[in-house]
N, C-alpha and C. Protein backbone atom coordinates (compact mmCIF):
# COMPACT_ATOMS: atom_id res chain seq x y z
N UNK A 1 16.09 84.90 34.84
CA UNK A 1 15.41 86.08 34.33
C UNK A 1 16.36 87.27 34.46
N UNK A 2 16.60 87.97 33.37
CA UNK A 2 17.51 89.12 33.36
C UNK A 2 16.78 90.40 33.73
N UNK A 3 17.45 91.22 34.55
CA UNK A 3 16.88 92.52 34.91
C UNK A 3 17.06 93.48 33.74
N UNK A 4 16.15 94.40 33.53
CA UNK A 4 16.32 95.38 32.45
C UNK A 4 17.55 96.25 32.70
N UNK A 5 18.21 96.61 31.62
CA UNK A 5 19.42 97.42 31.76
C UNK A 5 19.11 98.88 32.05
N UNK A 6 17.98 99.36 31.61
CA UNK A 6 17.57 100.74 31.89
C UNK A 6 16.35 100.71 32.78
N UNK A 7 16.46 101.33 33.93
CA UNK A 7 15.35 101.32 34.87
C UNK A 7 14.76 102.70 35.12
N UNK A 8 15.34 103.71 34.51
CA UNK A 8 14.84 105.07 34.74
C UNK A 8 13.61 105.33 33.89
N UNK A 9 12.79 106.24 34.40
CA UNK A 9 11.60 106.65 33.63
C UNK A 9 12.02 107.38 32.38
N UNK A 10 11.15 107.46 31.37
CA UNK A 10 11.46 108.26 30.19
C UNK A 10 11.62 109.73 30.58
N UNK A 11 12.55 110.38 29.91
CA UNK A 11 12.80 111.79 30.21
C UNK A 11 11.60 112.63 29.76
N UNK A 12 11.18 113.52 30.64
CA UNK A 12 10.09 114.43 30.33
C UNK A 12 10.56 115.83 30.71
N UNK A 13 10.48 116.74 29.77
CA UNK A 13 10.93 118.12 30.04
C UNK A 13 10.09 118.70 31.17
N UNK A 14 10.74 119.33 32.16
CA UNK A 14 9.99 119.89 33.27
C UNK A 14 9.17 121.09 32.84
N UNK A 15 8.09 121.30 33.55
CA UNK A 15 7.30 122.50 33.32
C UNK A 15 8.14 123.70 33.72
N UNK A 16 7.73 124.86 33.28
CA UNK A 16 8.49 126.07 33.59
C UNK A 16 7.55 127.18 34.03
N UNK A 17 8.08 128.10 34.80
CA UNK A 17 7.37 129.32 35.17
C UNK A 17 7.80 130.38 34.18
N UNK A 18 6.85 130.98 33.48
CA UNK A 18 7.14 131.98 32.46
C UNK A 18 6.44 133.29 32.81
N UNK A 19 7.09 134.15 33.57
CA UNK A 19 6.44 135.41 33.95
C UNK A 19 6.32 136.40 32.79
N UNK A 20 7.07 136.17 31.71
CA UNK A 20 7.04 137.07 30.55
C UNK A 20 7.48 136.27 29.32
N UNK A 21 7.15 136.74 28.11
CA UNK A 21 7.61 136.05 26.91
C UNK A 21 9.13 135.94 26.88
N UNK A 22 9.63 134.87 26.33
CA UNK A 22 11.07 134.61 26.20
C UNK A 22 11.76 134.40 27.56
N UNK A 23 10.98 134.18 28.60
CA UNK A 23 11.54 133.90 29.91
C UNK A 23 10.92 132.63 30.45
N UNK A 24 11.75 131.74 30.98
CA UNK A 24 11.23 130.51 31.56
C UNK A 24 12.20 130.01 32.62
N UNK A 25 11.67 129.66 33.79
CA UNK A 25 12.46 129.07 34.85
C UNK A 25 11.91 127.66 35.08
N UNK A 26 12.74 126.66 34.85
CA UNK A 26 12.31 125.27 34.95
C UNK A 26 11.90 124.92 36.37
N UNK A 27 10.77 124.26 36.50
CA UNK A 27 10.35 123.72 37.80
C UNK A 27 11.19 122.50 38.12
N UNK A 28 11.24 122.16 39.38
CA UNK A 28 12.02 121.02 39.80
C UNK A 28 13.51 121.30 39.77
N UNK A 29 13.88 122.56 39.72
CA UNK A 29 15.29 122.99 39.69
C UNK A 29 15.46 124.20 40.61
N UNK A 30 16.71 124.57 40.84
CA UNK A 30 17.02 125.71 41.71
C UNK A 30 17.70 126.80 40.87
N UNK A 31 17.21 128.02 41.01
CA UNK A 31 17.70 129.17 40.26
C UNK A 31 18.21 130.21 41.25
N UNK A 32 19.13 131.04 40.80
CA UNK A 32 19.70 132.09 41.65
C UNK A 32 19.27 133.46 41.14
N UNK A 33 18.87 134.33 42.08
CA UNK A 33 18.59 135.72 41.77
C UNK A 33 19.50 136.56 42.65
N UNK A 34 20.26 137.46 42.04
CA UNK A 34 21.20 138.30 42.77
C UNK A 34 20.93 139.76 42.44
N UNK A 35 21.70 140.63 43.08
CA UNK A 35 21.57 142.06 42.80
C UNK A 35 20.76 142.78 43.86
N UNK A 36 20.76 144.10 43.80
CA UNK A 36 20.09 144.90 44.83
C UNK A 36 18.57 144.76 44.84
N UNK A 37 17.97 144.33 43.74
CA UNK A 37 16.51 144.17 43.68
C UNK A 37 16.12 142.70 43.61
N UNK A 38 16.95 141.82 44.19
CA UNK A 38 16.70 140.37 44.12
C UNK A 38 15.37 139.99 44.78
N UNK A 39 15.03 140.64 45.87
CA UNK A 39 13.78 140.32 46.55
C UNK A 39 12.57 140.74 45.71
N UNK A 40 12.68 141.88 45.04
CA UNK A 40 11.60 142.32 44.15
C UNK A 40 11.41 141.32 43.01
N UNK A 41 12.52 140.81 42.47
CA UNK A 41 12.42 139.82 41.39
C UNK A 41 11.75 138.55 41.88
N UNK A 42 12.09 138.10 43.09
CA UNK A 42 11.47 136.90 43.64
C UNK A 42 9.97 137.12 43.87
N UNK A 43 9.60 138.30 44.35
CA UNK A 43 8.18 138.60 44.54
C UNK A 43 7.44 138.65 43.22
N UNK A 44 8.10 139.18 42.18
CA UNK A 44 7.50 139.22 40.85
C UNK A 44 7.22 137.80 40.35
N UNK A 45 8.19 136.89 40.53
CA UNK A 45 7.98 135.50 40.13
C UNK A 45 6.87 134.86 40.94
N UNK A 46 6.83 135.15 42.24
CA UNK A 46 5.75 134.62 43.07
C UNK A 46 4.39 135.08 42.57
N UNK A 47 4.32 136.33 42.13
CA UNK A 47 3.07 136.86 41.59
C UNK A 47 2.64 136.20 40.29
N UNK A 48 3.60 135.61 39.58
CA UNK A 48 3.29 134.91 38.32
C UNK A 48 2.87 133.46 38.55
N UNK A 49 2.93 133.02 39.81
CA UNK A 49 2.59 131.64 40.14
C UNK A 49 1.34 131.59 41.01
N UNK A 50 0.81 130.39 41.20
CA UNK A 50 -0.33 130.16 42.07
C UNK A 50 0.14 129.40 43.31
N UNK A 51 -0.61 129.50 44.39
CA UNK A 51 -0.34 128.71 45.57
C UNK A 51 0.56 129.39 46.57
N UNK A 52 0.81 128.70 47.69
CA UNK A 52 1.61 129.28 48.76
C UNK A 52 3.09 129.38 48.41
N UNK A 53 3.77 130.28 49.10
CA UNK A 53 5.20 130.52 48.92
C UNK A 53 5.87 130.40 50.29
N UNK A 54 6.93 129.60 50.37
CA UNK A 54 7.71 129.52 51.61
C UNK A 54 8.95 130.38 51.44
N UNK A 55 9.11 131.38 52.31
CA UNK A 55 10.24 132.31 52.26
C UNK A 55 11.10 132.06 53.50
N UNK A 56 12.35 131.63 53.29
CA UNK A 56 13.23 131.27 54.39
C UNK A 56 14.39 132.26 54.44
N UNK A 57 14.65 132.80 55.62
CA UNK A 57 15.76 133.74 55.81
C UNK A 57 16.31 133.56 57.21
N UNK A 58 17.62 133.73 57.40
CA UNK A 58 18.18 133.60 58.74
C UNK A 58 17.56 134.61 59.70
N UNK A 59 17.38 134.19 60.94
CA UNK A 59 16.77 135.06 61.94
C UNK A 59 17.56 136.36 62.11
N UNK A 60 18.89 136.30 61.96
CA UNK A 60 19.74 137.48 62.18
C UNK A 60 19.66 138.49 61.05
N UNK A 61 19.06 138.12 59.90
CA UNK A 61 19.01 139.03 58.75
C UNK A 61 18.11 140.21 59.06
N UNK A 62 18.65 141.41 58.96
CA UNK A 62 17.91 142.61 59.34
C UNK A 62 16.83 142.98 58.33
N UNK A 63 17.07 142.76 57.04
CA UNK A 63 16.09 143.13 56.01
C UNK A 63 14.92 142.14 56.03
N UNK A 64 13.74 142.66 56.24
CA UNK A 64 12.53 141.84 56.26
C UNK A 64 11.53 142.39 55.25
N UNK A 65 10.74 141.51 54.70
CA UNK A 65 9.71 141.94 53.76
C UNK A 65 8.57 142.62 54.51
N UNK A 66 8.05 143.66 53.91
CA UNK A 66 6.89 144.37 54.45
C UNK A 66 5.67 144.02 53.62
N UNK A 67 4.57 143.62 54.26
CA UNK A 67 3.37 143.29 53.49
C UNK A 67 2.93 144.42 52.56
N UNK A 68 3.09 145.68 53.01
CA UNK A 68 2.70 146.81 52.15
C UNK A 68 3.56 146.86 50.90
N UNK A 69 4.86 146.61 51.04
CA UNK A 69 5.75 146.60 49.89
C UNK A 69 5.56 145.39 48.99
N UNK A 70 5.13 144.27 49.58
CA UNK A 70 4.92 143.04 48.81
C UNK A 70 3.68 143.13 47.93
N UNK A 71 2.67 143.87 48.39
CA UNK A 71 1.35 143.83 47.76
C UNK A 71 1.37 144.24 46.29
N UNK A 72 2.29 145.10 45.88
CA UNK A 72 2.36 145.49 44.48
C UNK A 72 2.89 144.39 43.57
N UNK A 73 3.51 143.37 44.18
CA UNK A 73 4.08 142.27 43.40
C UNK A 73 3.27 140.99 43.51
N UNK A 74 2.87 140.64 44.75
CA UNK A 74 2.16 139.38 45.00
C UNK A 74 1.33 139.53 46.27
N UNK A 75 0.34 138.69 46.42
CA UNK A 75 -0.55 138.71 47.58
C UNK A 75 0.23 138.27 48.82
N UNK A 76 0.42 139.14 49.82
CA UNK A 76 1.17 138.76 51.02
C UNK A 76 0.55 137.60 51.78
N UNK A 77 -0.74 137.39 51.63
CA UNK A 77 -1.43 136.30 52.32
C UNK A 77 -1.01 134.92 51.86
N UNK A 78 -0.31 134.82 50.75
CA UNK A 78 0.15 133.52 50.24
C UNK A 78 1.48 133.09 50.85
N UNK A 79 2.13 133.96 51.61
CA UNK A 79 3.50 133.71 52.06
C UNK A 79 3.55 133.11 53.46
N UNK A 80 4.42 132.11 53.60
CA UNK A 80 4.77 131.52 54.89
C UNK A 80 6.24 131.86 55.12
N UNK A 81 6.58 132.27 56.34
CA UNK A 81 7.96 132.68 56.62
C UNK A 81 8.59 131.74 57.64
N UNK A 82 9.84 131.36 57.37
CA UNK A 82 10.63 130.56 58.30
C UNK A 82 11.92 131.31 58.56
N UNK A 83 12.28 131.44 59.83
CA UNK A 83 13.47 132.19 60.23
C UNK A 83 14.38 131.32 61.10
N UNK A 84 15.16 130.42 60.50
CA UNK A 84 16.06 129.57 61.29
C UNK A 84 17.09 130.41 62.06
N UNK A 85 17.49 129.92 63.22
CA UNK A 85 18.46 130.63 64.05
C UNK A 85 19.85 130.60 63.42
N UNK A 86 20.23 129.48 62.81
CA UNK A 86 21.57 129.34 62.25
C UNK A 86 21.51 129.46 60.72
N UNK A 87 22.51 130.11 60.13
CA UNK A 87 22.55 130.30 58.68
C UNK A 87 22.50 128.97 57.94
N UNK A 88 23.22 127.96 58.43
CA UNK A 88 23.28 126.67 57.73
C UNK A 88 21.93 125.96 57.72
N UNK A 89 21.03 126.33 58.64
CA UNK A 89 19.72 125.70 58.66
C UNK A 89 18.80 126.22 57.56
N UNK A 90 19.15 127.36 56.97
CA UNK A 90 18.32 127.89 55.88
C UNK A 90 18.29 126.91 54.72
N UNK A 91 19.47 126.41 54.32
CA UNK A 91 19.53 125.46 53.20
C UNK A 91 18.89 124.13 53.56
N UNK A 92 19.03 123.72 54.82
CA UNK A 92 18.38 122.48 55.25
C UNK A 92 16.85 122.63 55.15
N UNK A 93 16.32 123.75 55.62
CA UNK A 93 14.87 124.00 55.52
C UNK A 93 14.41 124.00 54.06
N UNK A 94 15.21 124.66 53.20
CA UNK A 94 14.85 124.70 51.79
C UNK A 94 14.84 123.30 51.19
N UNK A 95 15.87 122.52 51.51
CA UNK A 95 15.95 121.16 50.98
C UNK A 95 14.74 120.33 51.39
N UNK A 96 14.36 120.40 52.66
CA UNK A 96 13.21 119.63 53.14
C UNK A 96 11.91 120.10 52.49
N UNK A 97 11.76 121.41 52.32
CA UNK A 97 10.54 121.94 51.69
C UNK A 97 10.45 121.53 50.23
N UNK A 98 11.58 121.59 49.51
CA UNK A 98 11.57 121.17 48.11
C UNK A 98 11.25 119.69 47.99
N UNK A 99 11.85 118.87 48.86
CA UNK A 99 11.63 117.43 48.80
C UNK A 99 10.17 117.08 49.08
N UNK A 100 9.53 117.83 49.98
CA UNK A 100 8.14 117.53 50.32
C UNK A 100 7.18 117.87 49.19
N UNK A 101 7.53 118.88 48.37
CA UNK A 101 6.63 119.31 47.30
C UNK A 101 5.37 119.97 47.82
N UNK A 102 5.37 120.41 49.09
CA UNK A 102 4.17 120.96 49.71
C UNK A 102 3.81 122.35 49.19
N UNK A 103 4.79 123.10 48.71
CA UNK A 103 4.53 124.43 48.16
C UNK A 103 5.19 124.52 46.78
N UNK A 104 4.59 125.26 45.85
CA UNK A 104 5.16 125.34 44.51
C UNK A 104 6.41 126.22 44.40
N UNK A 105 6.63 127.13 45.37
CA UNK A 105 7.78 128.02 45.33
C UNK A 105 8.43 128.10 46.69
N UNK A 106 9.75 127.82 46.73
CA UNK A 106 10.52 127.92 47.96
C UNK A 106 11.65 128.92 47.70
N UNK A 107 11.73 129.95 48.53
CA UNK A 107 12.73 131.01 48.39
C UNK A 107 13.64 130.99 49.61
N UNK A 108 14.95 130.98 49.37
CA UNK A 108 15.92 131.08 50.47
C UNK A 108 16.70 132.38 50.28
N UNK A 109 16.56 133.29 51.22
CA UNK A 109 17.25 134.58 51.21
C UNK A 109 18.55 134.39 51.97
N UNK A 110 19.67 134.31 51.25
CA UNK A 110 20.95 133.93 51.84
C UNK A 110 21.90 135.12 52.01
N UNK A 111 22.80 135.06 53.00
CA UNK A 111 23.79 136.12 53.16
C UNK A 111 24.92 136.04 52.14
N UNK A 112 25.06 134.91 51.44
CA UNK A 112 26.09 134.73 50.43
C UNK A 112 25.81 133.49 49.61
N UNK A 113 26.50 133.30 48.48
CA UNK A 113 26.26 132.13 47.63
C UNK A 113 26.66 130.82 48.32
N UNK A 114 25.84 129.79 48.21
CA UNK A 114 26.21 128.48 48.76
C UNK A 114 27.21 127.78 47.85
N UNK A 115 27.81 126.71 48.33
CA UNK A 115 28.75 125.93 47.54
C UNK A 115 28.06 124.97 46.60
N UNK A 116 28.85 124.25 45.80
CA UNK A 116 28.30 123.33 44.81
C UNK A 116 27.55 122.17 45.44
N UNK A 117 28.09 121.59 46.50
CA UNK A 117 27.43 120.42 47.12
C UNK A 117 26.04 120.76 47.64
N UNK A 118 25.85 121.87 48.38
CA UNK A 118 24.48 122.20 48.80
C UNK A 118 23.54 122.46 47.62
N UNK A 119 24.04 123.08 46.56
CA UNK A 119 23.18 123.34 45.40
C UNK A 119 22.76 122.02 44.75
N UNK A 120 23.68 121.07 44.65
CA UNK A 120 23.33 119.76 44.09
C UNK A 120 22.26 119.08 44.95
N UNK A 121 22.41 119.18 46.26
CA UNK A 121 21.41 118.58 47.15
C UNK A 121 20.04 119.23 46.96
N UNK A 122 20.03 120.55 46.74
CA UNK A 122 18.76 121.25 46.50
C UNK A 122 18.12 120.79 45.20
N UNK A 123 18.93 120.60 44.14
CA UNK A 123 18.39 120.10 42.87
C UNK A 123 17.76 118.72 43.06
N UNK A 124 18.47 117.84 43.74
CA UNK A 124 17.94 116.49 43.97
C UNK A 124 16.65 116.54 44.77
N UNK A 125 16.58 117.40 45.76
CA UNK A 125 15.36 117.54 46.56
C UNK A 125 14.21 118.07 45.71
N UNK A 126 14.49 119.06 44.85
CA UNK A 126 13.44 119.63 43.99
C UNK A 126 12.94 118.60 42.99
N UNK A 127 13.85 117.77 42.47
CA UNK A 127 13.44 116.73 41.53
C UNK A 127 12.61 115.66 42.23
N UNK A 128 12.88 115.41 43.51
CA UNK A 128 12.14 114.40 44.26
C UNK A 128 10.76 114.89 44.65
N UNK A 129 10.59 116.21 44.79
CA UNK A 129 9.29 116.77 45.15
C UNK A 129 8.27 116.44 44.08
N UNK A 130 7.20 115.77 44.43
CA UNK A 130 6.23 115.28 43.45
C UNK A 130 5.65 116.35 42.55
N UNK A 131 5.49 117.56 43.06
CA UNK A 131 4.84 118.62 42.29
C UNK A 131 5.85 119.48 41.54
N UNK A 132 7.11 119.07 41.47
CA UNK A 132 8.17 119.82 40.79
C UNK A 132 8.19 121.28 41.24
N UNK A 133 8.52 121.51 42.51
CA UNK A 133 8.55 122.89 43.00
C UNK A 133 9.70 123.67 42.38
N UNK A 134 9.57 124.97 42.42
CA UNK A 134 10.62 125.88 41.93
C UNK A 134 11.39 126.38 43.14
N UNK A 135 12.72 126.30 43.08
CA UNK A 135 13.56 126.79 44.15
C UNK A 135 14.31 128.04 43.72
N UNK A 136 14.29 129.07 44.56
CA UNK A 136 15.02 130.31 44.30
C UNK A 136 15.95 130.58 45.47
N UNK A 137 17.23 130.80 45.15
CA UNK A 137 18.15 131.28 46.17
C UNK A 137 18.50 132.73 45.84
N UNK A 138 18.37 133.57 46.84
CA UNK A 138 18.65 135.00 46.68
C UNK A 138 20.00 135.29 47.31
N UNK A 139 20.90 135.89 46.52
CA UNK A 139 22.24 136.18 47.01
C UNK A 139 22.59 137.64 46.72
N UNK A 140 23.41 138.26 47.59
CA UNK A 140 23.77 139.67 47.38
C UNK A 140 24.78 139.85 46.26
N UNK A 141 24.95 141.08 45.84
CA UNK A 141 25.95 141.42 44.83
C UNK A 141 25.69 140.74 43.50
N UNK A 142 26.75 140.15 42.93
CA UNK A 142 26.63 139.48 41.64
C UNK A 142 26.40 137.99 41.79
N UNK A 143 26.11 137.53 42.99
CA UNK A 143 25.83 136.12 43.20
C UNK A 143 27.04 135.26 42.93
N UNK A 144 26.81 134.14 42.28
CA UNK A 144 27.91 133.25 41.92
C UNK A 144 27.79 131.85 42.46
N UNK A 145 26.57 131.43 42.84
CA UNK A 145 26.40 130.06 43.33
C UNK A 145 26.68 129.08 42.18
N UNK A 146 27.58 128.11 42.38
CA UNK A 146 27.87 127.14 41.32
C UNK A 146 26.75 126.12 41.18
N UNK A 147 26.54 125.67 39.96
CA UNK A 147 25.60 124.58 39.73
C UNK A 147 24.14 124.95 39.62
N UNK A 148 23.79 126.25 39.69
CA UNK A 148 22.38 126.63 39.59
C UNK A 148 21.89 126.46 38.14
N UNK A 149 20.60 126.25 38.00
CA UNK A 149 20.01 126.09 36.67
C UNK A 149 20.11 127.38 35.87
N UNK A 150 19.88 128.51 36.53
CA UNK A 150 20.02 129.81 35.87
C UNK A 150 20.36 130.87 36.93
N UNK A 151 20.96 131.95 36.47
CA UNK A 151 21.29 133.07 37.36
C UNK A 151 20.70 134.35 36.77
N UNK A 152 20.00 135.10 37.62
CA UNK A 152 19.34 136.34 37.22
C UNK A 152 19.83 137.47 38.11
N UNK A 153 19.90 138.66 37.55
CA UNK A 153 20.31 139.84 38.29
C UNK A 153 19.28 140.93 38.05
N UNK A 154 18.86 141.59 39.14
CA UNK A 154 17.89 142.68 38.98
C UNK A 154 18.36 143.87 39.80
N UNK A 155 18.30 145.05 39.17
CA UNK A 155 18.73 146.29 39.82
C UNK A 155 17.76 147.40 39.47
N UNK A 156 17.56 148.35 40.40
CA UNK A 156 16.64 149.47 40.12
C UNK A 156 17.21 150.42 39.07
N UNK A 157 16.32 150.95 38.25
CA UNK A 157 16.65 151.98 37.26
C UNK A 157 15.55 153.05 37.28
N UNK A 158 15.20 153.48 38.49
CA UNK A 158 14.10 154.43 38.65
C UNK A 158 14.48 155.79 38.07
N UNK A 159 13.49 156.50 37.57
CA UNK A 159 13.71 157.82 37.00
C UNK A 159 12.54 158.74 37.27
N UNK A 160 12.57 159.87 36.65
CA UNK A 160 11.52 160.87 36.84
C UNK A 160 10.17 160.36 36.35
N UNK A 161 10.19 159.40 35.41
CA UNK A 161 8.93 158.89 34.85
C UNK A 161 8.40 157.68 35.61
N UNK A 162 8.99 157.33 36.76
CA UNK A 162 8.44 156.26 37.58
C UNK A 162 9.44 155.17 37.92
N UNK A 163 8.92 154.11 38.53
CA UNK A 163 9.73 152.99 38.97
C UNK A 163 10.11 152.11 37.79
N UNK A 164 11.37 151.70 37.75
CA UNK A 164 11.84 150.84 36.67
C UNK A 164 13.01 150.01 37.18
N UNK A 165 13.23 148.88 36.52
CA UNK A 165 14.32 147.97 36.89
C UNK A 165 14.98 147.44 35.62
N UNK A 166 16.18 146.92 35.80
CA UNK A 166 16.86 146.19 34.72
C UNK A 166 17.00 144.74 35.20
N UNK A 167 16.46 143.82 34.41
CA UNK A 167 16.51 142.40 34.71
C UNK A 167 17.42 141.73 33.70
N UNK A 168 18.39 140.95 34.18
CA UNK A 168 19.34 140.27 33.30
C UNK A 168 19.33 138.77 33.57
N UNK A 169 19.33 138.01 32.50
CA UNK A 169 19.60 136.57 32.60
C UNK A 169 21.09 136.42 32.34
N UNK A 170 21.85 136.18 33.38
CA UNK A 170 23.30 136.15 33.25
C UNK A 170 23.83 134.76 32.95
N UNK A 171 23.08 133.75 33.32
CA UNK A 171 23.52 132.38 33.06
C UNK A 171 22.30 131.49 32.97
N UNK A 172 22.32 130.60 31.98
CA UNK A 172 21.30 129.57 31.85
C UNK A 172 21.91 128.41 31.10
N UNK A 173 21.47 127.23 31.40
CA UNK A 173 22.08 126.04 30.78
C UNK A 173 21.88 126.00 29.27
N UNK A 174 20.73 126.46 28.81
CA UNK A 174 20.43 126.31 27.38
C UNK A 174 20.14 127.63 26.67
N UNK A 175 20.24 128.75 27.36
CA UNK A 175 19.88 130.03 26.76
C UNK A 175 21.01 131.04 26.92
N UNK A 176 21.15 131.97 25.97
CA UNK A 176 22.22 132.97 26.07
C UNK A 176 21.85 134.07 27.06
N UNK A 177 22.83 134.86 27.50
CA UNK A 177 22.52 136.02 28.35
C UNK A 177 21.55 136.97 27.63
N UNK A 178 20.71 137.62 28.43
CA UNK A 178 19.73 138.53 27.86
C UNK A 178 19.33 139.54 28.92
N UNK A 179 18.83 140.69 28.51
CA UNK A 179 18.43 141.73 29.46
C UNK A 179 17.12 142.37 29.03
N UNK A 180 16.38 142.86 30.03
CA UNK A 180 15.11 143.53 29.80
C UNK A 180 15.03 144.77 30.69
N UNK A 181 14.32 145.76 30.20
CA UNK A 181 13.90 146.88 31.04
C UNK A 181 12.52 146.54 31.57
N UNK A 182 12.26 146.86 32.82
CA UNK A 182 11.00 146.45 33.45
C UNK A 182 10.39 147.66 34.14
N UNK A 183 9.09 147.88 33.90
CA UNK A 183 8.41 148.98 34.58
C UNK A 183 6.94 148.65 34.74
N UNK A 184 6.31 149.38 35.65
CA UNK A 184 4.89 149.21 35.91
C UNK A 184 4.11 149.76 34.72
N UNK A 185 3.28 148.89 34.13
CA UNK A 185 2.46 149.31 32.99
C UNK A 185 0.99 149.18 33.38
N UNK A 186 0.51 150.11 34.20
CA UNK A 186 -0.89 150.11 34.59
C UNK A 186 -1.28 148.90 35.42
N UNK A 187 -0.50 148.57 36.45
CA UNK A 187 -0.81 147.45 37.31
C UNK A 187 -0.20 146.13 36.87
N UNK A 188 0.40 146.11 35.70
CA UNK A 188 1.11 144.92 35.21
C UNK A 188 2.55 145.31 34.93
N UNK A 189 3.44 144.35 35.05
CA UNK A 189 4.86 144.64 34.83
C UNK A 189 5.20 144.40 33.37
N UNK A 190 5.54 145.48 32.67
CA UNK A 190 5.90 145.38 31.26
C UNK A 190 7.40 145.25 31.09
N UNK A 191 7.81 144.37 30.17
CA UNK A 191 9.23 144.17 29.88
C UNK A 191 9.53 144.56 28.45
N UNK A 192 10.65 145.23 28.26
CA UNK A 192 11.12 145.56 26.92
C UNK A 192 12.57 145.11 26.81
N UNK A 193 12.99 144.61 25.64
CA UNK A 193 14.38 144.17 25.49
C UNK A 193 15.35 145.32 25.75
N UNK A 194 16.50 144.99 26.32
CA UNK A 194 17.56 145.97 26.59
C UNK A 194 18.88 145.40 26.11
N UNK A 195 19.93 146.22 26.14
CA UNK A 195 21.25 145.74 25.76
C UNK A 195 21.61 144.55 26.64
N UNK A 196 22.24 143.53 26.06
CA UNK A 196 22.59 142.34 26.86
C UNK A 196 23.62 142.67 27.93
N UNK A 197 23.73 141.81 28.96
CA UNK A 197 24.72 142.04 30.01
C UNK A 197 26.12 142.23 29.43
N UNK A 198 26.87 143.14 30.01
CA UNK A 198 28.23 143.39 29.57
C UNK A 198 28.34 144.48 28.52
N UNK A 199 27.21 145.01 28.04
CA UNK A 199 27.25 146.06 27.01
C UNK A 199 27.16 147.43 27.66
């Protein structure tokens, strides 16, 4: 009796988180958010999803989320926080959480971009998680983690007329770079197209 030559399941496009039209972050994959407003962007995505959120950051990291500041983006009661003592344990915690599929969103707030091998391990863990969790790695500056599904950058553009941000999709496997202006529109975050990155 011959074994079948193909043993993999049929390919099925992963579900995506779409916080706004023309925006989609594939579940079961790891995405990078960088820039000075990276935490705000992650909270915005959390607000567009249902269920608990695991937020992992090194214990030594001085910047901590404030429930009062979080409330405008997402319900602080949905968040679980893990503060590993060692920086390298942050990625290990994220990998285990993604593999378990216990929460739909896992965020790792990192002091710098991880290498390609850890990112590949995170993708494999997210794919193994039965519920196809979404993984977000937050990196300072312009980021640059290799192998991520997509890279986003968010920076404040506040003015006299209120709070505003610029959100850029700087890298995606199947989509071109794109940018949006983002501001509070009566309790909801409104996005308008902006000049693409580099303009």
